[in-house]
Every structure is written in structure tokens, then in C-alpha cells.
C-alpha atoms as a PDB file:
ATOM      1  CA  MET A   1     -26.359  24.235 -14.962  1.00  0.00           C
ATOM      2  CA  ASP A   2     -29.342  23.877 -12.386  1.00  0.00           C
ATOM      3  CA  ASN A   3     -27.991  21.416  -9.688  1.00  0.00           C
ATOM      4  CA  THR A   4     -31.020  19.452 -10.175  1.00  0.00           C
ATOM      5  CA  LEU A   5     -30.003  18.407 -13.936  1.00  0.00           C
ATOM      6  CA  PHE A   6     -26.452  17.587 -12.757  1.00  0.00           C
ATOM      7  CA  PRO A   7     -24.427  15.873 -14.274  1.00  0.00           C
ATOM      8  CA  GLY A   8     -26.357  16.269 -17.780  1.00  0.00           C
ATOM      9  CA  HIS A   9     -24.181  15.698 -20.680  1.00  0.00           C
ATOM     10  CA  ILE A  10     -20.753  14.415 -19.586  1.00  0.00           C
ATOM     11  CA  ALA A  11     -17.445  15.040 -22.257  1.00  0.00           C
ATOM     12  CA  VAL A  12     -14.416  12.827 -21.319  1.00  0.00           C
ATOM     13  CA  MET A  13     -11.007  14.616 -21.818  1.00  0.00           C
ATOM     14  CA  GLY A  14      -8.383  13.013 -22.607  1.00  0.00           C
ATOM     15  CA  GLY A  15      -7.645   9.650 -24.487  1.00  0.00           C
ATOM     16  CA  GLY A  16      -5.449   7.559 -22.321  1.00  0.00           C
ATOM     17  CA  SER A  17      -5.824   4.581 -20.238  1.00  0.00           C
ATOM     18  CA  TRP A  18      -7.842   6.045 -17.252  1.00  0.00           C
ATOM     19  CA  ALA A  19     -10.000   7.596 -20.013  1.00  0.00           C
ATOM     20  CA  THR A  20     -11.081   4.557 -21.493  1.00  0.00           C
ATOM     21  CA  ALA A  21     -11.632   3.058 -18.148  1.00  0.00           C
ATOM     22  CA  LEU A  22     -13.891   5.822 -16.669  1.00  0.00           C
ATOM     23  CA  ALA A  23     -15.591   6.054 -20.038  1.00  0.00           C
ATOM     24  CA  LYS A  24     -16.757   2.606 -19.903  1.00  0.00           C
ATOM     25  CA  LEU A  25     -17.972   3.304 -16.353  1.00  0.00           C
ATOM     26  CA  LEU A  26     -19.778   6.047 -17.962  1.00  0.00           C
ATOM     27  CA  MET A  27     -21.377   4.433 -20.791  1.00  0.00           C
ATOM     28  CA  GLN A  28     -22.968   1.727 -18.762  1.00  0.00           C
ATOM     29  CA  ASN A  29     -25.471   4.912 -16.886  1.00  0.00           C
ATOM     30  CA  CYS A  30     -25.400   7.576 -19.800  1.00  0.00           C
ATOM     31  CA  GLU A  31     -27.244   7.187 -23.100  1.00  0.00           C
ATOM     32  CA  THR A  32     -24.401   9.442 -24.825  1.00  0.00           C
ATOM     33  CA  ILE A  33     -20.763  10.397 -24.090  1.00  0.00           C
ATOM     34  CA  THR A  34     -18.728  13.364 -26.050  1.00  0.00           C
ATOM     35  CA  TRP A  35     -15.162  12.397 -26.066  1.00  0.00           C
ATOM     36  CA  TYR A  36     -12.459  14.348 -26.712  1.00  0.00           C
ATOM     37  CA  MET A  37      -9.151  13.215 -27.897  1.00  0.00           C
ATOM     38  CA  ARG A  38      -6.449  15.249 -29.245  1.00  0.00           C
ATOM     39  CA  ARG A  39      -5.621  12.952 -32.361  1.00  0.00           C
ATOM     40  CA  ASP A  40      -7.856  12.540 -35.529  1.00  0.00           C
ATOM     41  CA  ASP A  41      -6.001   9.876 -36.571  1.00  0.00           C
ATOM     42  CA  ARG A  42      -6.711   8.156 -33.049  1.00  0.00           C
ATOM     43  CA  ILE A  43     -10.504   8.865 -33.579  1.00  0.00           C
ATOM     44  CA  GLU A  44     -10.972   7.576 -37.160  1.00  0.00           C
ATOM     45  CA  ASP A  45      -8.946   4.336 -35.772  1.00  0.00           C
ATOM     46  CA  PHE A  46     -11.241   4.205 -32.733  1.00  0.00           C
ATOM     47  CA  LYS A  47     -14.549   4.291 -34.744  1.00  0.00           C
ATOM     48  CA  ARG A  48     -13.384   1.900 -37.268  1.00  0.00           C
ATOM     49  CA  LEU A  49     -12.034  -0.727 -34.669  1.00  0.00           C
ATOM     50  CA  ARG A  50     -14.348   0.150 -31.748  1.00  0.00           C
ATOM     51  CA  HIS A  51     -11.794   0.337 -29.254  1.00  0.00           C
ATOM     52  CA  ASN A  52      -9.347   2.759 -28.308  1.00  0.00           C
ATOM     53  CA  PRO A  53      -6.415   1.780 -30.473  1.00  0.00           C
ATOM     54  CA  ALA A  54      -3.415   2.625 -28.186  1.00  0.00           C
ATOM     55  CA  TYR A  55      -5.265   2.223 -24.904  1.00  0.00           C
ATOM     56  CA  LEU A  56      -7.458  -0.767 -23.141  1.00  0.00           C
ATOM     57  CA  THR A  57      -8.110  -2.665 -26.543  1.00  0.00           C
ATOM     58  CA  ASP A  58     -10.056  -5.228 -25.002  1.00  0.00           C
ATOM     59  CA  VAL A  59     -12.951  -2.868 -23.879  1.00  0.00           C
ATOM     60  CA  VAL A  60     -15.124  -2.931 -26.936  1.00  0.00           C
ATOM     61  CA  PHE A  61     -17.415   0.572 -27.103  1.00  0.00           C
ATOM     62  CA  ASP A  62     -20.893   1.178 -28.875  1.00  0.00           C
ATOM     63  CA  ILE A  63     -19.477   3.961 -30.794  1.00  0.00           C
ATOM     64  CA  GLU A  64     -22.896   5.106 -31.883  1.00  0.00           C
ATOM     65  CA  ARG A  65     -23.360   6.640 -28.513  1.00  0.00           C
ATOM     66  CA  ILE A  66     -20.069   8.381 -28.672  1.00  0.00           C
ATOM     67  CA  ASN A  67     -20.101  11.903 -30.140  1.00  0.00           C
ATOM     68  CA  PHE A  68     -15.760  12.054 -30.629  1.00  0.00           C
ATOM     69  CA  SER A  69     -13.676  15.356 -31.529  1.00  0.00           C
ATOM     70  CA  SER A  70     -10.284  16.631 -31.454  1.00  0.00           C
ATOM     71  CA  ASP A  71     -11.952  20.551 -30.860  1.00  0.00           C
ATOM     72  CA  ILE A  72     -11.763  20.959 -27.341  1.00  0.00           C
ATOM     73  CA  ASN A  73     -13.953  23.914 -27.677  1.00  0.00           C
ATOM     74  CA  GLU A  74     -17.022  21.983 -29.521  1.00  0.00           C
ATOM     75  CA  VAL A  75     -16.220  19.659 -26.735  1.00  0.00           C
ATOM     76  CA  CYS A  76     -16.411  22.154 -23.715  1.00  0.00           C
ATOM     77  CA  SER A  77     -19.607  23.798 -25.611  1.00  0.00           C
ATOM     78  CA  VAL A  78     -21.738  20.882 -25.934  1.00  0.00           C
ATOM     79  CA  ALA A  79     -21.266  19.324 -22.543  1.00  0.00           C
ATOM     80  CA  ASP A  80     -22.678  20.196 -19.373  1.00  0.00           C
ATOM     81  CA  THR A  81     -19.895  18.560 -17.042  1.00  0.00           C
ATOM     82  CA  LEU A  82     -16.216  18.170 -18.345  1.00  0.00           C
ATOM     83  CA  LEU A  83     -14.219  15.342 -16.927  1.00  0.00           C
ATOM     84  CA  LEU A  84     -10.433  15.649 -17.155  1.00  0.00           C
ATOM     85  CA  VAL A  85      -8.284  12.840 -17.333  1.00  0.00           C
ATOM     86  CA  MET A  86      -5.100  13.700 -19.010  1.00  0.00           C
ATOM     87  CA  PRO A  87      -1.553  13.440 -17.714  1.00  0.00           C
ATOM     88  CA  SER A  88      -0.678  16.452 -15.454  1.00  0.00           C
ATOM     89  CA  PRO A  89       2.477  17.564 -17.595  1.00  0.00           C
ATOM     90  CA  TYR A  90       0.578  18.095 -20.546  1.00  0.00           C
ATOM     91  CA  PHE A  91      -2.459  19.645 -18.722  1.00  0.00           C
ATOM     92  CA  LYS A  92      -2.490  23.183 -19.367  1.00  0.00           C
ATOM     93  CA  ASP A  93      -1.252  22.243 -23.248  1.00  0.00           C
ATOM     94  CA  HIS A  94      -4.824  21.091 -23.228  1.00  0.00           C
ATOM     95  CA  VAL A  95      -6.937  23.066 -21.281  1.00  0.00           C
ATOM     96  CA  ASP A  96      -5.463  26.573 -21.905  1.00  0.00           C
ATOM     97  CA  LYS A  97      -6.675  26.095 -25.445  1.00  0.00           C
ATOM     98  CA  ILE A  98     -10.159  26.093 -24.072  1.00  0.00           C
ATOM     99  CA  SER A  99     -11.491  30.019 -25.117  1.00  0.00           C
ATOM    100  CA  VAL A 100     -15.125  29.492 -24.534  1.00  0.00           C
ATOM    101  CA  ASP A 101     -16.847  30.298 -21.407  1.00  0.00           C
ATOM    102  CA  ILE A 102     -17.018  27.032 -18.943  1.00  0.00           C
ATOM    103  CA  SER A 103     -17.446  29.094 -16.045  1.00  0.00           C
ATOM    104  CA  THR A 104     -21.136  27.622 -15.792  1.00  0.00           C
ATOM    105  CA  LYS A 105     -19.985  23.675 -16.491  1.00  0.00           C
ATOM    106  CA  ALA A 106     -19.059  21.491 -13.649  1.00  0.00           C
ATOM    107  CA  VAL A 107     -15.802  20.093 -13.821  1.00  0.00           C
ATOM    108  CA  VAL A 108     -14.719  16.485 -12.254  1.00  0.00           C
ATOM    109  CA  SER A 109     -10.839  16.134 -12.462  1.00  0.00           C
ATOM    110  CA  ALA A 110      -9.741  12.536 -12.301  1.00  0.00           C
ATOM    111  CA  VAL A 111      -5.980  14.113 -13.037  1.00  0.00           C
ATOM    112  CA  LYS A 112      -3.483  12.394 -10.592  1.00  0.00           C
ATOM    113  CA  GLY A 113      -1.347  15.262 -10.930  1.00  0.00           C
ATOM    114  CA  ILE A 114      -0.733  19.142  -9.886  1.00  0.00           C
ATOM    115  CA  VAL A 115      -0.682  21.777 -12.656  1.00  0.00           C
ATOM    116  CA  PRO A 116       3.337  22.164 -13.373  1.00  0.00           C
ATOM    117  CA  ASP A 117       4.784  25.455 -13.364  1.00  0.00           C
ATOM    118  CA  SER A 118       2.401  27.036 -10.722  1.00  0.00           C
ATOM    119  CA  ASN A 119       1.629  23.878  -8.343  1.00  0.00           C
ATOM    120  CA  GLU A 120      -1.995  24.513  -8.365  1.00  0.00           C
ATOM    121  CA  LEU A 121      -4.181  21.482  -7.601  1.00  0.00           C
ATOM    122  CA  ILE A 122      -6.186  20.768 -11.042  1.00  0.00           C
ATOM    123  CA  THR A 123      -9.781  22.063  -9.376  1.00  0.00           C
ATOM    124  CA  ASP A 124      -8.065  25.320  -8.150  1.00  0.00           C
ATOM    125  CA  TYR A 125      -6.679  25.883 -11.615  1.00  0.00           C
ATOM    126  CA  MET A 126     -10.080  25.517 -13.040  1.00  0.00           C
ATOM    127  CA  VAL A 127     -11.724  27.669 -10.905  1.00  0.00           C
ATOM    128  CA  ARG A 128      -8.574  30.522 -11.051  1.00  0.00           C
ATOM    129  CA  ARG A 129      -8.134  30.266 -14.689  1.00  0.00           C
ATOM    130  CA  PHE A 130     -11.964  29.533 -16.064  1.00  0.00           C
ATOM    131  CA  GLY A 131     -13.711  31.186 -13.232  1.00  0.00           C
ATOM    132  CA  VAL A 132     -15.727  27.092 -12.474  1.00  0.00           C
ATOM    133  CA  SER A 133     -17.488  27.466  -9.497  1.00  0.00           C
ATOM    134  CA  PRO A 134     -15.701  26.053  -6.452  1.00  0.00           C
ATOM    135  CA  GLU A 135     -18.820  24.260  -5.503  1.00  0.00           C
ATOM    136  CA  LYS A 136     -18.905  22.544  -8.829  1.00  0.00           C
ATOM    137  CA  THR A 137     -15.493  21.091  -9.120  1.00  0.00           C
ATOM    138  CA  LEU A 138     -15.200  17.764  -8.219  1.00  0.00           C
ATOM    139  CA  VAL A 139     -12.294  14.485  -7.982  1.00  0.00           C
ATOM    140  CA  ILE A 140     -12.320  11.327  -8.359  1.00  0.00           C
ATOM    141  CA  SER A 141      -9.802   8.687  -7.037  1.00  0.00           C
ATOM    142  CA  GLY A 142      -9.390   5.262  -5.099  1.00  0.00           C
ATOM    143  CA  PRO A 143      -8.002   2.543  -5.566  1.00  0.00           C
ATOM    144  CA  CYS A 144      -9.327   1.407  -9.345  1.00  0.00           C
ATOM    145  CA  HIS A 145      -6.297   0.386 -11.947  1.00  0.00           C
ATOM    146  CA  ALA A 146      -7.455   0.887 -15.940  1.00  0.00           C
ATOM    147  CA  GLU A 147      -6.562  -2.440 -16.351  1.00  0.00           C
ATOM    148  CA  GLU A 148      -8.523  -4.088 -13.761  1.00  0.00           C
ATOM    149  CA  VAL A 149     -11.792  -1.726 -14.760  1.00  0.00           C
ATOM    150  CA  ALA A 150     -11.214  -3.138 -18.163  1.00  0.00           C
ATOM    151  CA  LEU A 151     -10.931  -7.142 -16.822  1.00  0.00           C
ATOM    152  CA  ASP A 152     -14.157  -6.282 -14.875  1.00  0.00           C
ATOM    153  CA  ARG A 153     -12.673  -6.812 -11.550  1.00  0.00           C
ATOM    154  CA  PRO A 154     -13.855  -5.129  -8.548  1.00  0.00           C
ATOM    155  CA  SER A 155     -13.417  -1.455  -8.363  1.00  0.00           C
ATOM    156  CA  TYR A 156     -13.920   1.263  -5.592  1.00  0.00           C
ATOM    157  CA  LEU A 157     -13.944   4.714  -6.596  1.00  0.00           C
ATOM    158  CA  THR A 158     -14.369   7.750  -4.237  1.00  0.00           C
ATOM    159  CA  VAL A 159     -16.024  11.287  -5.665  1.00  0.00           C
ATOM    160  CA  GLY A 160     -15.230  14.265  -3.798  1.00  0.00           C
ATOM    161  CA  CYS A 161     -16.989  17.192  -3.539  1.00  0.00           C
ATOM    162  CA  SER A 162     -17.803  20.239  -1.454  1.00  0.00           C
ATOM    163  CA  ASP A 163     -21.543  19.798  -2.053  1.00  0.00           C
ATOM    164  CA  PRO A 164     -22.552  15.990  -1.030  1.00  0.00           C
ATOM    165  CA  SER A 165     -25.546  15.847  -3.289  1.00  0.00           C
ATOM    166  CA  LEU A 166     -23.262  16.455  -5.900  1.00  0.00           C
ATOM    167  CA  ALA A 167     -20.776  13.613  -5.288  1.00  0.00           C
ATOM    168  CA  ALA A 168     -23.538  11.142  -4.844  1.00  0.00           C
ATOM    169  CA  LEU A 169     -25.148  12.234  -8.516  1.00  0.00           C
ATOM    170  CA  PHE A 170     -21.817  11.639 -10.508  1.00  0.00           C
ATOM    171  CA  ALA A 171     -21.020   8.727  -8.047  1.00  0.00           C
ATOM    172  CA  ASP A 172     -24.159   7.000  -9.377  1.00  0.00           C
ATOM    173  CA  LYS A 173     -22.388   7.256 -13.256  1.00  0.00           C
ATOM    174  CA  VAL A 174     -19.526   5.591 -12.773  1.00  0.00           C
ATOM    175  CA  MET A 175     -21.489   2.555 -10.664  1.00  0.00           C
ATOM    176  CA  GLY A 176     -21.265  -0.747 -11.978  1.00  0.00           C
ATOM    177  CA  LYS A 177     -22.006  -4.418 -11.224  1.00  0.00           C
ATOM    178  CA  HIS A 178     -18.398  -4.381 -10.870  1.00  0.00           C
ATOM    179  CA  THR A 179     -17.585  -0.947  -9.515  1.00  0.00           C
ATOM    180  CA  ASN A 180     -18.711   0.834  -5.940  1.00  0.00           C
ATOM    181  CA  ALA A 181     -18.129   4.432  -5.789  1.00  0.00           C
ATOM    182  CA  ILE A 182     -18.806   6.178  -2.306  1.00  0.00           C
ATOM    183  CA  THR A 183     -18.585  10.043  -1.909  1.00  0.00           C
ATOM    184  CA  SER A 184     -16.618  12.661   0.542  1.00  0.00           C
ATOM    185  CA  THR A 185     -16.396  16.382   0.806  1.00  0.00           C
ATOM    186  CA  ASP A 186     -12.450  15.984   1.371  1.00  0.00           C
ATOM    187  CA  VAL A 187     -11.281  17.721  -2.123  1.00  0.00           C
ATOM    188  CA  ASP A 188      -8.041  19.426  -1.546  1.00  0.00           C
ATOM    189  CA  GLY A 189      -6.901  16.194   0.473  1.00  0.00           C
ATOM    190  CA  ILE A 190      -8.005  13.748  -2.365  1.00  0.00           C
ATOM    191  CA  GLU A 191      -6.286  15.689  -4.686  1.00  0.00           C
ATOM    192  CA  TYR A 192      -2.959  15.797  -2.812  1.00  0.00           C
ATOM    193  CA  ALA A 193      -3.265  12.310  -1.778  1.00  0.00           C
ATOM    194  CA  ALA A 194      -3.361  10.900  -5.492  1.00  0.00           C
ATOM    195  CA  VAL A 195      -0.254  13.040  -5.843  1.00  0.00           C
ATOM    196  CA  LEU A 196       1.456  11.991  -2.766  1.00  0.00           C
ATOM    197  CA  LYS A 197       0.642   8.260  -3.152  1.00  0.00           C
ATOM    198  CA  ASN A 198       2.198   8.215  -6.930  1.00  0.00           C
ATOM    199  CA  VAL A 199       5.354   9.584  -5.038  1.00  0.00           C
ATOM    200  CA  TYR A 200       5.660   6.555  -2.006  1.00  0.00           C
ATOM    201  CA  ALA A 201       4.821   4.263  -5.252  1.00  0.00           C
ATOM    202  CA  ILE A 202       8.137   4.928  -6.899  1.00  0.00           C
ATOM    203  CA  ALA A 203      10.055   4.305  -3.797  1.00  0.00           C
ATOM    204  CA  ALA A 204       8.369   1.240  -3.120  1.00  0.00           C
ATOM    205  CA  GLY A 205       9.533   0.288  -6.845  1.00  0.00           C
ATOM    206  CA  ILE A 206      13.218   1.254  -6.416  1.00  0.00           C
ATOM    207  CA  ILE A 207      13.134  -1.061  -3.117  1.00  0.00           C
ATOM    208  CA  HIS A 208      11.917  -3.609  -5.025  1.00  0.00           C
ATOM    209  CA  GLY A 209      14.055  -2.754  -7.884  1.00  0.00           C
ATOM    210  CA  MET A 210      16.929  -3.191  -5.405  1.00  0.00           C
ATOM    211  CA  LYS A 211      16.033  -6.429  -4.554  1.00  0.00           C
ATOM    212  CA  VAL A 212      15.684  -5.285  -0.218  1.00  0.00           C
ATOM    213  CA  GLY A 213      13.023  -7.002   0.474  1.00  0.00           C
ATOM    214  CA  ASP A 214       8.871  -7.237   1.214  1.00  0.00           C
ATOM    215  CA  ASN A 215      10.061  -6.505   4.574  1.00  0.00           C
ATOM    216  CA  MET A 216      11.246  -3.443   3.825  1.00  0.00           C
ATOM    217  CA  THR A 217       8.596  -2.301   1.993  1.00  0.00           C
ATOM    218  CA  ALA A 218       5.987  -2.582   4.380  1.00  0.00           C
ATOM    219  CA  ILE A 219       7.787  -0.726   6.883  1.00  0.00           C
ATOM    220  CA  LEU A 220       8.077   2.132   3.975  1.00  0.00           C
ATOM    221  CA  ILE A 221       4.710   2.292   3.054  1.00  0.00           C
ATOM    222  CA  SER A 222       3.615   1.856   6.336  1.00  0.00           C
ATOM    223  CA  ASN A 223       5.837   5.246   6.997  1.00  0.00           C
ATOM    224  CA  ALA A 224       4.840   6.497   4.052  1.00  0.00           C
ATOM    225  CA  ILE A 225       0.712   6.598   4.835  1.00  0.00           C
ATOM    226  CA  ARG A 226       1.779   8.554   8.341  1.00  0.00           C
ATOM    227  CA  GLU A 227       4.135  10.942   6.418  1.00  0.00           C
ATOM    228  CA  MET A 228       1.006  11.637   3.926  1.00  0.00           C
ATOM    229  CA  GLU A 229      -1.141  11.962   6.991  1.00  0.00           C
ATOM    230  CA  ARG A 230       1.150  15.027   7.854  1.00  0.00           C
ATOM    231  CA  PHE A 231       1.039  16.942   4.813  1.00  0.00           C
ATOM    232  CA  LEU A 232      -2.777  16.600   4.596  1.00  0.00           C
ATOM    233  CA  ASP A 233      -2.826  17.686   8.172  1.00  0.00           C
ATOM    234  CA  ALA A 234      -1.002  20.808   7.237  1.00  0.00           C
ATOM    235  CA  VAL A 235      -2.440  21.668   3.556  1.00  0.00           C
ATOM    236  CA  SER A 236      -5.908  20.997   4.493  1.00  0.00           C
ATOM    237  CA  PRO A 237      -6.523  20.841   8.324  1.00  0.00           C
ATOM    238  CA  ARG A 238      -9.772  18.369   8.510  1.00  0.00           C
ATOM    239  CA  PRO A 239     -11.364  15.820   9.843  1.00  0.00           C
ATOM    240  CA  ARG A 240     -10.566  12.485   7.657  1.00  0.00           C
ATOM    241  CA  GLN A 241      -9.515   8.974   8.101  1.00  0.00           C
ATOM    242  CA  ILE A 242      -6.510   8.142   6.748  1.00  0.00           C
ATOM    243  CA  CYS A 243      -7.368   4.488   6.548  1.00  0.00           C
ATOM    244  CA  ASP A 244      -9.907   5.035   3.882  1.00  0.00           C
ATOM    245  CA  SER A 245      -9.769   3.303   0.589  1.00  0.00           C
ATOM    246  CA  VAL A 246      -9.048   6.871  -1.230  1.00  0.00           C
ATOM    247  CA  TYR A 247      -5.977   7.253   0.767  1.00  0.00           C
ATOM    248  CA  LEU A 248      -4.258   3.902   2.089  1.00  0.00           C
ATOM    249  CA  GLY A 249      -6.281   2.043  -0.353  1.00  0.00           C
ATOM    250  CA  ASP A 250      -4.865   3.686  -3.350  1.00  0.00           C
ATOM    251  CA  LEU A 251      -1.416   3.862  -1.867  1.00  0.00           C
ATOM    252  CA  LEU A 252      -1.517   0.311  -1.576  1.00  0.00           C
ATOM    253  CA  VAL A 253      -2.243  -0.677  -4.936  1.00  0.00           C
ATOM    254  CA  THR A 254      -0.271   1.881  -6.690  1.00  0.00           C
ATOM    255  CA  ALA A 255       3.095   0.446  -4.121  1.00  0.00           C
ATOM    256  CA  TYR A 256       2.479  -2.944  -4.859  1.00  0.00           C
ATOM    257  CA  SER A 257       0.641  -3.499  -8.553  1.00  0.00           C
ATOM    258  CA  ARG A 258       2.079  -4.657 -11.750  1.00  0.00           C
ATOM    259  CA  PHE A 259      -0.193  -2.251 -12.912  1.00  0.00           C
ATOM    260  CA  SER A 260       1.500   0.374 -11.292  1.00  0.00           C
ATOM    261  CA  ARG A 261       3.485   2.810 -13.750  1.00  0.00           C
ATOM    262  CA  ASN A 262       5.153   4.637 -10.906  1.00  0.00           C
ATOM    263  CA  HIS A 263       6.165   1.464  -8.990  1.00  0.00           C
ATOM    264  CA  ASN A 264       7.669   0.116 -12.871  1.00  0.00           C
ATOM    265  CA  PHE A 265       9.588   3.079 -13.423  1.00  0.00           C
ATOM    266  CA  GLY A 266      10.867   3.503  -9.718  1.00  0.00           C
ATOM    267  CA  SER A 267      11.710  -0.993  -9.900  1.00  0.00           C
ATOM    268  CA  MET A 268      14.197   0.031 -13.134  1.00  0.00           C
ATOM    269  CA  ILE A 269      15.534   2.919 -11.249  1.00  0.00           C
ATOM    270  CA  GLY A 270      15.821   0.248  -8.210  1.00  0.00           C
ATOM    271  CA  ARG A 271      17.467  -1.983 -11.059  1.00  0.00           C
ATOM    272  CA  GLY A 272      20.317   0.341 -12.145  1.00  0.00           C
ATOM    273  CA  TYR A 273      18.644   2.977 -14.936  1.00  0.00           C
ATOM    274  CA  SER A 274      18.974   6.091 -14.984  1.00  0.00           C
ATOM    275  CA  VAL A 275      16.193   8.582 -14.132  1.00  0.00           C
ATOM    276  CA  LYS A 276      16.443   9.502 -18.203  1.00  0.00           C
ATOM    277  CA  ALA A 277      16.568   5.913 -19.339  1.00  0.00           C
ATOM    278  CA  ALA A 278      13.453   4.748 -17.152  1.00  0.00           C
ATOM    279  CA  LYS A 279      11.819   7.778 -18.547  1.00  0.00           C
ATOM    280  CA  MET A 280      12.684   6.808 -22.071  1.00  0.00           C
ATOM    281  CA  GLU A 281      11.349   3.083 -21.323  1.00  0.00           C
ATOM    282  CA  MET A 282       8.032   3.831 -20.184  1.00  0.00           C
ATOM    283  CA  GLU A 283       5.625   3.824 -22.221  1.00  0.00           C
ATOM    284  CA  GLN A 284       3.134   6.071 -20.106  1.00  0.00           C
ATOM    285  CA  THR A 285       3.507   9.062 -17.821  1.00  0.00           C
ATOM    286  CA  ALA A 286       4.714   8.619 -14.529  1.00  0.00           C
ATOM    287  CA  GLU A 287       2.662  10.995 -12.524  1.00  0.00           C
ATOM    288  CA  GLY A 288       4.725  10.381  -9.481  1.00  0.00           C
ATOM    289  CA  TYR A 289       7.955  11.897 -10.972  1.00  0.00           C
ATOM    290  CA  TYR A 290       6.456  15.509 -11.425  1.00  0.00           C
ATOM    291  CA  GLY A 291       4.727  15.223  -8.514  1.00  0.00           C
ATOM    292  CA  ALA A 292       7.654  14.272  -6.448  1.00  0.00           C
ATOM    293  CA  LYS A 293       8.923  17.928  -7.274  1.00  0.00           C
ATOM    294  CA  CYS A 294       5.841  19.922  -7.306  1.00  0.00           C
ATOM    295  CA  ILE A 295       4.977  18.840  -3.331  1.00  0.00           C
ATOM    296  CA  THR A 296       8.825  19.428  -2.524  1.00  0.00           C
ATOM    297  CA  ASP A 297       8.328  22.741  -4.052  1.00  0.00           C
ATOM    298  CA  ILE A 298       5.093  23.097  -1.951  1.00  0.00           C
ATOM    299  CA  ASN A 299       6.098  22.186   1.252  1.00  0.00           C
ATOM    300  CA  ASP A 300       9.643  23.800   1.109  1.00  0.00           C
ATOM    301  CA  ALA A 301       7.506  27.516   0.288  1.00  0.00           C
ATOM    302  CA  SER A 302       4.711  27.270   2.608  1.00  0.00           C
ATOM    303  CA  TYR A 303       4.715  24.570   4.957  1.00  0.00           C
ATOM    304  CA  GLY A 304       7.654  22.879   6.274  1.00  0.00           C
ATOM    305  CA  VAL A 305       6.282  19.026   7.219  1.00  0.00           C
ATOM    306  CA  ASP A 306       9.014  16.155   8.056  1.00  0.00           C
ATOM    307  CA  LEU A 307       8.632  14.549   4.708  1.00  0.00           C
ATOM    308  CA  PRO A 308      11.517  12.281   4.797  1.00  0.00           C
ATOM    309  CA  ILE A 309      10.110   9.555   2.212  1.00  0.00           C
ATOM    310  CA  LEU A 310       9.500  12.119  -0.519  1.00  0.00           C
ATOM    311  CA  LYS A 311      12.701  13.747   0.193  1.00  0.00           C
ATOM    312  CA  ALA A 312      14.338  10.617  -0.606  1.00  0.00           C
ATOM    313  CA  VAL A 313      12.738   9.926  -3.760  1.00  0.00           C
ATOM    314  CA  TYR A 314      13.123  13.781  -4.867  1.00  0.00           C
ATOM    315  CA  SER A 315      17.247  13.287  -4.104  1.00  0.00           C
ATOM    316  CA  ILE A 316      17.351  10.452  -6.671  1.00  0.00           C
ATOM    317  CA  LEU A 317      15.255  11.688  -9.204  1.00  0.00           C
ATOM    318  CA  TYR A 318      15.836  14.860  -9.184  1.00  0.00           C
ATOM    319  CA  ASN A 319      19.248  15.816  -7.477  1.00  0.00           C
ATOM    320  CA  GLY A 320      21.243  12.155  -9.038  1.00  0.00           C
ATOM    321  CA  MET A 321      21.413  10.673  -5.489  1.00  0.00           C
ATOM    322  CA  SER A 322      22.236   6.966  -5.857  1.00  0.00           C
ATOM    323  CA  PRO A 323      18.993   4.917  -4.279  1.00  0.00           C
ATOM    324  CA  ALA A 324      21.404   3.090  -1.613  1.00  0.00           C
ATOM    325  CA  ARG A 325      22.483   6.449  -0.494  1.00  0.00           C
ATOM    326  CA  ALA A 326      19.344   7.870  -0.242  1.00  0.00           C
ATOM    327  CA  PHE A 327      17.715   4.960   1.356  1.00  0.00           C
ATOM    328  CA  ALA A 328      20.291   4.634   3.802  1.00  0.00           C
ATOM    329  CA  SER A 329      20.186   8.007   4.896  1.00  0.00           C
ATOM    330  CA  LEU A 330      16.082   7.570   5.171  1.00  0.00           C
ATOM    331  CA  GLY A 331      16.835   4.355   7.300  1.00  0.00           C
ATOM    332  CA  HIS A 332      16.791   6.100  10.995  1.00  0.00           C
ATOM    333  CA  ASN A 333      13.561   8.004   9.905  1.00  0.00           C
ATOM    334  CA  LEU A 334      11.772   4.893   9.306  1.00  0.00           C
ATOM    335  CA  ASP A 335      10.086   3.220  12.956  1.00  0.00           C
END
């Protein structure tokens, strides 16, 4: 694809709340989009109701401008840019069905997780698995809850790409009256931060559920952003401002908001739910559950960064440690 034509025709790949929110933003700036959803019955209901039947049901779409399909290869064939918006645990189930050549396409990851098993960033996986050019891999993140996009509340996004001009062109497609989008070249840092903030949001939720208090939550988050910075500096050393909205801002909104599924998941555990029961209770995926294991594995294998909050969350989620014991042992590591 000629960069002067970027992003060309965009396909939204996923049918959840975040995919729906991003589709709403794209529809403000694109004549048409293609939308991949796995289930034909969901597509038929969407066409009939003119809204996603399962997520953000108040957002009405001009369905005449949307080409729906459950055939991922058909979607990949007609699109110039693939916007990936599926939960990380199911990411490979979807994209590994792609058999057409997508090496010339652009790929934008809005997946706030890591590829299971291989522990790769989404962009790295698309480069290795499908031959996508690293220069045409982008990420989109920031403090932007899908539910607040649906409510037309002010939202802020960051589009990352090694080519700033491509980042700016895609940012234009998600800009709107209520949405601002800025650019960055820190692709890896943005992807890792999007994973870590979900883990720390689970920790904040656990503290909330335990009724430990706002003071402890503030201490936790102020330590979490420094922990995030240590890890990002190890895995992707480069200048970055950790207080930028795509790092600190996204961490804050995910840790505190009632819309945060990771916070709510942690809160259930803090109130006494078992991890299994909390997962069953959740209607949507708490990405931080999977992110805690992925980052722990990556760190243990290659970096050895001191990550006490991550370690505490991992111990609760995967080793059966009680929240009270995990946070008691964490206490002397916070300041």
C-alpha cells in the first residue's frame, strides 16, 4: 500500500465493546468500513437493530456504510488496514485462520494484551507470523473507556508507529468532537504499558474490595507507575515521559473507574471471591489476569526487573495466596 493512501479502507476485527467504540470513532471520518465478527447471528442482529446487540447498545450505526463479514479472509482481502480489537486470550484463535497474504497491509493493534504461549507483543506476532512490515504496524491506546466513548465524553488516545506520518494519518481517523488523538513512536512501550496497567488495576481493585482505603490505593498507584517505568526501560530503553496520558493516564483510569473490568475483577477477589468464581462472574475478559502471567514469564526469563506489585498479583491469581498475605508482604516494598 502506498503510504500516501494510508490508511485506505479500514477493517475492524472484533465485536466487543472496545471494537464498537473504535468503530463509532472511525465512522465519523470514514465513508465506509468493513467489520469482522465471528458470529453470523450477531451480524444479523446488528443489521436488524442498527446497533451491536451485545455491547454499547445505545450507539446507533449507519449500517449501510458498514460491510459486515464473518469470513476473516474475505475481510483481510478487501481491507488496506486491519484494526485488531479482540481479547488477547482469543487473539490467535482468530488471526491464525488468516490464509491470504496480508504482508502488504497495515496493522493497528488495539489489543491490550500479549499473545498467549509465545508471550509476544501483538505487533511482533503479526510481523513474524504474517510478514507484515514493522514500519506498518501501529498501536492505539490511552485513557479511553469504551463506555465513555459511547456517552460522548471527552476521550484521549495515542497512536504509536515508528513512522510518525503514519501515526498522524491514523490519528486523524479517530479524532472527533469529543476525542483527541496524539502520536508517539514508542510502539513497544505503549503495548507493554497497556498490559501492565491492567495488572495494576487488578491490584487496585483487590485493595478496594478489601476496604483497605484510598490512602493505600494512592500509595499502590504511585509505586505502580514507577514499577511500570522500570520494566519499560528494561524491555524498550528509550526516552519517554512516564506521566504521559498513554502511560500514567491509562493506568489511573483503569485503576479507579467503575467501567474498568480489571478493577472490578480485582474487587471481587478482594471481597472474598475465588479467582475461578470471579472469572466466571465477569461478563467480559479481564485482560490483567492473563497479562500478569505473561509479564511474569517475560521478566523471569529475560530481564529480572524488581516488580513487587506484579509479583503480589501473580501470587494471588496463580499461586492461591490470600490477598491479605500478598499485600502484607508487599507493604515493605512500597514507599
